[in-house]
């Protein structure tokens, strides 16, 4: 199991707004990984504790999800648990296994086999699959390799895979760095004119609210 500690800040743009490209140019960012599709299935308690902890602004909160990249066909699926403690994000990652297709994974979930996972089991809570989100991600890093950013586009929420879906018309730029590089990264962001204010934005929470407003919850 892998564990990461970092500070994450999100900057939200309408899908037609590409002004963030000026920040990439000014900061001399380099692409560090090929673009890929990110797939996440989020879980929550039956009273949606993780959603409401986030909405209510609790400083200590968590969420748990399954994640894989590009097509699922025989690729690795991971369980990720993210804990937010004040401004620090702690992410634990565990390999769940490989699945031949999405239906194979759904079948695994529906049969309750996630109980075999340490990260899932340590929740000690009765949890259920809530929603499935898919989006395109780009990866960049500044020259000193202290500040990484991801850019997420075409965020799609599946009500019923694959036919029923809703698009979130947002582009999310997220900065990620170690707490030891806080001063450097904050100064770098200001100097290179990221002309936007960071704000709280969770794909899980915003997808949940979108489905709730549409009458699906």
C-alpha atoms as a PDB file:
ATOM      1  CA  UNK A   1       0.000   0.000   0.000  1.00  0.00           C
ATOM      2  CA  UNK A   2       1.275   3.476  -0.915  1.00  0.00           C
ATOM      3  CA  UNK A   3       0.709   6.627   1.134  1.00  0.00           C
ATOM      4  CA  UNK A   4       1.150  10.230  -0.094  1.00  0.00           C
ATOM      5  CA  UNK A   5       1.059  13.502   1.872  1.00  0.00           C
ATOM      6  CA  UNK A   6       0.511  16.713  -0.083  1.00  0.00           C
ATOM      7  CA  UNK A   7      -1.301  20.016  -0.336  1.00  0.00           C
ATOM      8  CA  UNK A   8      -3.882  20.331  -3.109  1.00  0.00           C
ATOM      9  CA  UNK A   9      -5.536  23.489  -4.392  1.00  0.00           C
ATOM     10  CA  UNK A  10      -8.221  23.582  -7.053  1.00  0.00           C
ATOM     11  CA  UNK A  11      -9.020  26.328  -9.563  1.00  0.00           C
ATOM     12  CA  UNK A  12     -12.347  26.044 -11.391  1.00  0.00           C
ATOM     13  CA  UNK A  13     -13.043  27.314 -14.929  1.00  0.00           C
ATOM     14  CA  UNK A  14     -16.041  27.188 -17.193  1.00  0.00           C
ATOM     15  CA  UNK A  15     -15.410  24.722 -20.003  1.00  0.00           C
ATOM     16  CA  UNK A  16     -15.024  27.501 -22.592  1.00  0.00           C
ATOM     17  CA  UNK A  17     -12.457  29.418 -20.465  1.00  0.00           C
ATOM     18  CA  UNK A  18      -8.869  28.552 -21.415  1.00  0.00           C
ATOM     19  CA  UNK A  19      -7.198  31.477 -19.628  1.00  0.00           C
ATOM     20  CA  UNK A  20      -5.294  28.967 -17.454  1.00  0.00           C
ATOM     21  CA  UNK A  21      -3.071  28.311 -20.491  1.00  0.00           C
ATOM     22  CA  UNK A  22      -1.301  31.605 -19.756  1.00  0.00           C
ATOM     23  CA  UNK A  23      -0.204  30.147 -16.414  1.00  0.00           C
ATOM     24  CA  UNK A  24       1.239  27.070 -18.141  1.00  0.00           C
ATOM     25  CA  UNK A  25       3.167  29.275 -20.564  1.00  0.00           C
ATOM     26  CA  UNK A  26       4.374  31.795 -17.965  1.00  0.00           C
ATOM     27  CA  UNK A  27       5.462  29.019 -15.603  1.00  0.00           C
ATOM     28  CA  UNK A  28       7.292  27.028 -18.326  1.00  0.00           C
ATOM     29  CA  UNK A  29       5.410  23.883 -17.379  1.00  0.00           C
ATOM     30  CA  UNK A  30       6.379  20.640 -19.076  1.00  0.00           C
ATOM     31  CA  UNK A  31       4.065  17.723 -19.733  1.00  0.00           C
ATOM     32  CA  UNK A  32       5.242  14.808 -17.600  1.00  0.00           C
ATOM     33  CA  UNK A  33       2.774  12.094 -18.530  1.00  0.00           C
ATOM     34  CA  UNK A  34       0.562  11.242 -21.519  1.00  0.00           C
ATOM     35  CA  UNK A  35      -3.049  12.382 -21.306  1.00  0.00           C
ATOM     36  CA  UNK A  36      -5.387   9.687 -20.068  1.00  0.00           C
ATOM     37  CA  UNK A  37      -8.943   9.057 -18.982  1.00  0.00           C
ATOM     38  CA  UNK A  38      -9.531   8.793 -15.242  1.00  0.00           C
ATOM     39  CA  UNK A  39     -12.387   6.607 -13.980  1.00  0.00           C
ATOM     40  CA  UNK A  40     -13.643   6.774 -10.388  1.00  0.00           C
ATOM     41  CA  UNK A  41     -16.415   4.939  -8.554  1.00  0.00           C
ATOM     42  CA  UNK A  42     -17.225   6.636  -5.256  1.00  0.00           C
ATOM     43  CA  UNK A  43     -18.571   4.951  -2.139  1.00  0.00           C
ATOM     44  CA  UNK A  44     -20.281   6.467   0.861  1.00  0.00           C
ATOM     45  CA  UNK A  45     -22.291   5.492   3.920  1.00  0.00           C
ATOM     46  CA  UNK A  46     -26.032   5.054   3.550  1.00  0.00           C
ATOM     47  CA  UNK A  47     -26.567   8.483   5.119  1.00  0.00           C
ATOM     48  CA  UNK A  48     -23.895  10.038   2.831  1.00  0.00           C
ATOM     49  CA  UNK A  49     -21.579  11.016   5.675  1.00  0.00           C
ATOM     50  CA  UNK A  50     -18.595  11.781   3.408  1.00  0.00           C
ATOM     51  CA  UNK A  51     -20.643  14.155   1.249  1.00  0.00           C
ATOM     52  CA  UNK A  52     -22.076  16.045   4.196  1.00  0.00           C
ATOM     53  CA  UNK A  53     -18.731  16.277   6.011  1.00  0.00           C
ATOM     54  CA  UNK A  54     -17.367  18.032   2.920  1.00  0.00           C
ATOM     55  CA  UNK A  55     -20.383  20.296   2.393  1.00  0.00           C
ATOM     56  CA  UNK A  56     -20.352  21.295   6.063  1.00  0.00           C
ATOM     57  CA  UNK A  57     -16.665  22.199   5.830  1.00  0.00           C
ATOM     58  CA  UNK A  58     -15.341  19.778   8.440  1.00  0.00           C
ATOM     59  CA  UNK A  59     -11.552  20.063   8.613  1.00  0.00           C
ATOM     60  CA  UNK A  60     -11.137  16.299   9.062  1.00  0.00           C
ATOM     61  CA  UNK A  61     -12.973  14.300   6.414  1.00  0.00           C
ATOM     62  CA  UNK A  62     -12.461  11.359   4.084  1.00  0.00           C
ATOM     63  CA  UNK A  63     -13.673   9.719   0.900  1.00  0.00           C
ATOM     64  CA  UNK A  64     -13.105   6.337  -0.669  1.00  0.00           C
ATOM     65  CA  UNK A  65     -13.189   5.356  -4.330  1.00  0.00           C
ATOM     66  CA  UNK A  66     -12.120   2.827  -6.912  1.00  0.00           C
ATOM     67  CA  UNK A  67      -9.953   4.175  -9.720  1.00  0.00           C
ATOM     68  CA  UNK A  68      -8.527   2.996 -13.023  1.00  0.00           C
ATOM     69  CA  UNK A  69      -7.081   4.670 -16.093  1.00  0.00           C
ATOM     70  CA  UNK A  70      -8.200   4.567 -19.722  1.00  0.00           C
ATOM     71  CA  UNK A  71     -10.105   1.382 -20.609  1.00  0.00           C
ATOM     72  CA  UNK A  72     -10.616  -1.105 -17.813  1.00  0.00           C
ATOM     73  CA  UNK A  73      -9.901  -4.123 -20.033  1.00  0.00           C
ATOM     74  CA  UNK A  74      -7.537  -6.210 -17.880  1.00  0.00           C
ATOM     75  CA  UNK A  75      -5.968  -3.076 -16.366  1.00  0.00           C
ATOM     76  CA  UNK A  76      -5.273  -2.516 -12.677  1.00  0.00           C
ATOM     77  CA  UNK A  77      -8.045  -1.118 -10.502  1.00  0.00           C
ATOM     78  CA  UNK A  78      -7.029   0.670  -7.305  1.00  0.00           C
ATOM     79  CA  UNK A  79      -8.783   1.477  -4.058  1.00  0.00           C
ATOM     80  CA  UNK A  80      -7.942   4.987  -2.890  1.00  0.00           C
ATOM     81  CA  UNK A  81      -8.814   6.508   0.458  1.00  0.00           C
ATOM     82  CA  UNK A  82      -8.238  10.249   0.779  1.00  0.00           C
ATOM     83  CA  UNK A  83      -8.218  11.912   4.193  1.00  0.00           C
ATOM     84  CA  UNK A  84      -8.265  15.689   4.428  1.00  0.00           C
ATOM     85  CA  UNK A  85      -6.740  17.003   7.668  1.00  0.00           C
ATOM     86  CA  UNK A  86      -6.934  20.796   7.661  1.00  0.00           C
ATOM     87  CA  UNK A  87      -4.922  21.771   4.541  1.00  0.00           C
ATOM     88  CA  UNK A  88      -3.095  18.461   4.049  1.00  0.00           C
ATOM     89  CA  UNK A  89      -4.369  15.597   1.902  1.00  0.00           C
ATOM     90  CA  UNK A  90      -3.281  12.072   2.837  1.00  0.00           C
ATOM     91  CA  UNK A  91      -3.900   9.511   0.106  1.00  0.00           C
ATOM     92  CA  UNK A  92      -3.617   5.756   0.637  1.00  0.00           C
ATOM     93  CA  UNK A  93      -3.608   3.517  -2.428  1.00  0.00           C
ATOM     94  CA  UNK A  94      -4.136  -0.237  -2.610  1.00  0.00           C
ATOM     95  CA  UNK A  95      -4.276  -2.437  -5.726  1.00  0.00           C
ATOM     96  CA  UNK A  96      -7.650  -4.176  -5.915  1.00  0.00           C
ATOM     97  CA  UNK A  97      -6.891  -6.341  -8.956  1.00  0.00           C
ATOM     98  CA  UNK A  98      -7.532  -6.647 -12.691  1.00  0.00           C
ATOM     99  CA  UNK A  99     -10.940  -6.955 -14.356  1.00  0.00           C
ATOM    100  CA  UNK A 100     -11.819  -7.933 -17.903  1.00  0.00           C
ATOM    101  CA  UNK A 101     -14.483  -5.222 -18.299  1.00  0.00           C
ATOM    102  CA  UNK A 102     -16.696  -2.816 -16.353  1.00  0.00           C
ATOM    103  CA  UNK A 103     -19.385  -5.464 -15.872  1.00  0.00           C
ATOM    104  CA  UNK A 104     -16.835  -7.787 -14.268  1.00  0.00           C
ATOM    105  CA  UNK A 105     -15.966  -5.003 -11.812  1.00  0.00           C
ATOM    106  CA  UNK A 106     -19.627  -4.186 -11.092  1.00  0.00           C
ATOM    107  CA  UNK A 107     -20.266  -7.864 -10.442  1.00  0.00           C
ATOM    108  CA  UNK A 108     -17.330  -7.952  -8.003  1.00  0.00           C
ATOM    109  CA  UNK A 109     -18.737  -4.920  -6.155  1.00  0.00           C
ATOM    110  CA  UNK A 110     -22.328  -6.174  -6.100  1.00  0.00           C
ATOM    111  CA  UNK A 111     -21.254  -9.500  -4.597  1.00  0.00           C
ATOM    112  CA  UNK A 112     -19.701  -7.661  -1.645  1.00  0.00           C
ATOM    113  CA  UNK A 113     -16.148  -8.783  -2.350  1.00  0.00           C
ATOM    114  CA  UNK A 114     -14.701  -5.366  -1.492  1.00  0.00           C
ATOM    115  CA  UNK A 115     -14.714  -6.533   2.115  1.00  0.00           C
ATOM    116  CA  UNK A 116     -11.420  -8.277   1.215  1.00  0.00           C
ATOM    117  CA  UNK A 117      -9.731  -4.885   0.813  1.00  0.00           C
ATOM    118  CA  UNK A 118      -7.904  -3.471   3.848  1.00  0.00           C
ATOM    119  CA  UNK A 119      -8.687   0.153   2.951  1.00  0.00           C
ATOM    120  CA  UNK A 120     -12.358  -0.591   2.394  1.00  0.00           C
ATOM    121  CA  UNK A 121     -12.686  -2.809   5.438  1.00  0.00           C
ATOM    122  CA  UNK A 122     -10.963  -0.380   7.822  1.00  0.00           C
ATOM    123  CA  UNK A 123     -13.835   2.064   7.318  1.00  0.00           C
ATOM    124  CA  UNK A 124     -15.802  -0.246   9.636  1.00  0.00           C
ATOM    125  CA  UNK A 125     -18.950   1.202   8.080  1.00  0.00           C
ATOM    126  CA  UNK A 126     -21.702  -0.125   5.865  1.00  0.00           C
ATOM    127  CA  UNK A 127     -20.898   1.597   2.555  1.00  0.00           C
ATOM    128  CA  UNK A 128     -22.507   1.562  -0.868  1.00  0.00           C
ATOM    129  CA  UNK A 129     -21.569   2.473  -4.433  1.00  0.00           C
ATOM    130  CA  UNK A 130     -22.897   5.988  -5.093  1.00  0.00           C
ATOM    131  CA  UNK A 131     -21.727   7.204  -8.499  1.00  0.00           C
ATOM    132  CA  UNK A 132     -19.270   6.766 -11.361  1.00  0.00           C
ATOM    133  CA  UNK A 133     -17.319   9.721 -12.767  1.00  0.00           C
ATOM    134  CA  UNK A 134     -15.043   9.810 -15.822  1.00  0.00           C
ATOM    135  CA  UNK A 135     -12.891  12.643 -17.208  1.00  0.00           C
ATOM    136  CA  UNK A 136      -9.834  13.515 -19.299  1.00  0.00           C
ATOM    137  CA  UNK A 137      -6.654  14.469 -17.415  1.00  0.00           C
ATOM    138  CA  UNK A 138      -3.448  16.273 -18.435  1.00  0.00           C
ATOM    139  CA  UNK A 139      -0.280  16.260 -16.296  1.00  0.00           C
ATOM    140  CA  UNK A 140       2.334  19.033 -15.977  1.00  0.00           C
ATOM    141  CA  UNK A 141       5.271  20.016 -13.761  1.00  0.00           C
ATOM    142  CA  UNK A 142       7.354  23.173 -13.350  1.00  0.00           C
ATOM    143  CA  UNK A 143      11.099  23.041 -13.978  1.00  0.00           C
ATOM    144  CA  UNK A 144      12.213  22.612 -10.342  1.00  0.00           C
ATOM    145  CA  UNK A 145       9.775  19.694  -9.991  1.00  0.00           C
ATOM    146  CA  UNK A 146       8.248  21.075  -6.809  1.00  0.00           C
ATOM    147  CA  UNK A 147       4.855  21.981  -8.234  1.00  0.00           C
ATOM    148  CA  UNK A 148       2.709  19.605 -10.259  1.00  0.00           C
ATOM    149  CA  UNK A 149      -0.626  20.415 -11.834  1.00  0.00           C
ATOM    150  CA  UNK A 150      -3.362  18.368 -13.415  1.00  0.00           C
ATOM    151  CA  UNK A 151      -6.069  19.666 -15.723  1.00  0.00           C
ATOM    152  CA  UNK A 152      -9.352  17.772 -15.826  1.00  0.00           C
ATOM    153  CA  UNK A 153     -11.874  18.226 -18.645  1.00  0.00           C
ATOM    154  CA  UNK A 154     -15.014  16.571 -20.013  1.00  0.00           C
ATOM    155  CA  UNK A 155     -16.200  15.515 -16.564  1.00  0.00           C
ATOM    156  CA  UNK A 156     -18.975  12.962 -17.062  1.00  0.00           C
ATOM    157  CA  UNK A 157     -21.265  11.601 -14.348  1.00  0.00           C
ATOM    158  CA  UNK A 158     -22.918   8.280 -15.154  1.00  0.00           C
ATOM    159  CA  UNK A 159     -26.404   7.772 -13.779  1.00  0.00           C
ATOM    160  CA  UNK A 160     -26.631   4.394 -15.457  1.00  0.00           C
ATOM    161  CA  UNK A 161     -23.547   3.204 -17.321  1.00  0.00           C
ATOM    162  CA  UNK A 162     -23.113   3.715 -20.235  1.00  0.00           C
ATOM    163  CA  UNK A 163     -26.337   5.261 -21.526  1.00  0.00           C
ATOM    164  CA  UNK A 164     -27.467   7.779 -18.889  1.00  0.00           C
ATOM    165  CA  UNK A 165     -24.995  10.537 -18.130  1.00  0.00           C
ATOM    166  CA  UNK A 166     -24.639  14.205 -17.240  1.00  0.00           C
ATOM    167  CA  UNK A 167     -21.748  16.520 -18.144  1.00  0.00           C
ATOM    168  CA  UNK A 168     -20.278  18.957 -15.630  1.00  0.00           C
ATOM    169  CA  UNK A 169     -19.349  21.961 -17.755  1.00  0.00           C
ATOM    170  CA  UNK A 170     -16.191  22.724 -15.793  1.00  0.00           C
ATOM    171  CA  UNK A 171     -12.438  22.472 -16.245  1.00  0.00           C
ATOM    172  CA  UNK A 172     -10.479  21.887 -13.036  1.00  0.00           C
ATOM    173  CA  UNK A 173      -6.843  22.903 -12.627  1.00  0.00           C
ATOM    174  CA  UNK A 174      -5.358  21.385  -9.493  1.00  0.00           C
ATOM    175  CA  UNK A 175      -1.969  22.231  -7.963  1.00  0.00           C
ATOM    176  CA  UNK A 176      -0.189  19.582  -5.898  1.00  0.00           C
ATOM    177  CA  UNK A 177       2.911  20.024  -3.772  1.00  0.00           C
ATOM    178  CA  UNK A 178       4.589  18.962  -0.547  1.00  0.00           C
ATOM    179  CA  UNK A 179       3.962  21.040   2.559  1.00  0.00           C
ATOM    180  CA  UNK A 180       7.727  21.692   2.772  1.00  0.00           C
ATOM    181  CA  UNK A 181       7.464  23.552  -0.568  1.00  0.00           C
ATOM    182  CA  UNK A 182       4.471  25.667   0.482  1.00  0.00           C
ATOM    183  CA  UNK A 183       6.206  29.060   0.354  1.00  0.00           C
ATOM    184  CA  UNK A 184       7.952  28.355  -2.958  1.00  0.00           C
ATOM    185  CA  UNK A 185       4.793  27.079  -4.667  1.00  0.00           C
ATOM    186  CA  UNK A 186       2.536  29.868  -3.421  1.00  0.00           C
ATOM    187  CA  UNK A 187       5.055  32.465  -4.618  1.00  0.00           C
ATOM    188  CA  UNK A 188       5.416  30.658  -7.960  1.00  0.00           C
ATOM    189  CA  UNK A 189       1.638  30.690  -8.491  1.00  0.00           C
ATOM    190  CA  UNK A 190       1.433  34.429  -7.788  1.00  0.00           C
ATOM    191  CA  UNK A 191       4.451  35.405  -9.899  1.00  0.00           C
ATOM    192  CA  UNK A 192       3.216  33.456 -12.920  1.00  0.00           C
ATOM    193  CA  UNK A 193      -0.247  34.993 -12.815  1.00  0.00           C
ATOM    194  CA  UNK A 194      -2.723  32.231 -12.204  1.00  0.00           C
ATOM    195  CA  UNK A 195      -5.564  34.729 -12.511  1.00  0.00           C
ATOM    196  CA  UNK A 196      -8.145  32.817 -10.553  1.00  0.00           C
ATOM    197  CA  UNK A 197      -8.921  32.145  -6.907  1.00  0.00           C
ATOM    198  CA  UNK A 198      -8.619  28.634  -5.604  1.00  0.00           C
ATOM    199  CA  UNK A 199     -11.830  27.184  -4.220  1.00  0.00           C
ATOM    200  CA  UNK A 200     -13.125  24.002  -2.672  1.00  0.00           C
ATOM    201  CA  UNK A 201     -14.250  21.648  -5.425  1.00  0.00           C
ATOM    202  CA  UNK A 202     -14.810  17.928  -5.066  1.00  0.00           C
ATOM    203  CA  UNK A 203     -15.813  15.959  -8.156  1.00  0.00           C
ATOM    204  CA  UNK A 204     -17.646  13.550  -5.911  1.00  0.00           C
ATOM    205  CA  UNK A 205     -19.563  16.233  -4.007  1.00  0.00           C
ATOM    206  CA  UNK A 206     -20.377  18.322  -7.092  1.00  0.00           C
ATOM    207  CA  UNK A 207     -21.474  15.227  -9.009  1.00  0.00           C
ATOM    208  CA  UNK A 208     -23.637  14.190  -6.069  1.00  0.00           C
ATOM    209  CA  UNK A 209     -25.250  17.645  -5.922  1.00  0.00           C
ATOM    210  CA  UNK A 210     -25.826  17.647  -9.686  1.00  0.00           C
ATOM    211  CA  UNK A 211     -27.607  14.289  -9.527  1.00  0.00           C
ATOM    212  CA  UNK A 212     -29.549  15.353  -6.449  1.00  0.00           C
ATOM    213  CA  UNK A 213     -30.786  18.519  -8.178  1.00  0.00           C
ATOM    214  CA  UNK A 214     -31.779  16.403 -11.200  1.00  0.00           C
ATOM    215  CA  UNK A 215     -33.876  14.161  -8.958  1.00  0.00           C
ATOM    216  CA  UNK A 216     -31.719  11.023  -9.098  1.00  0.00           C
ATOM    217  CA  UNK A 217     -31.130  10.871  -5.309  1.00  0.00           C
END
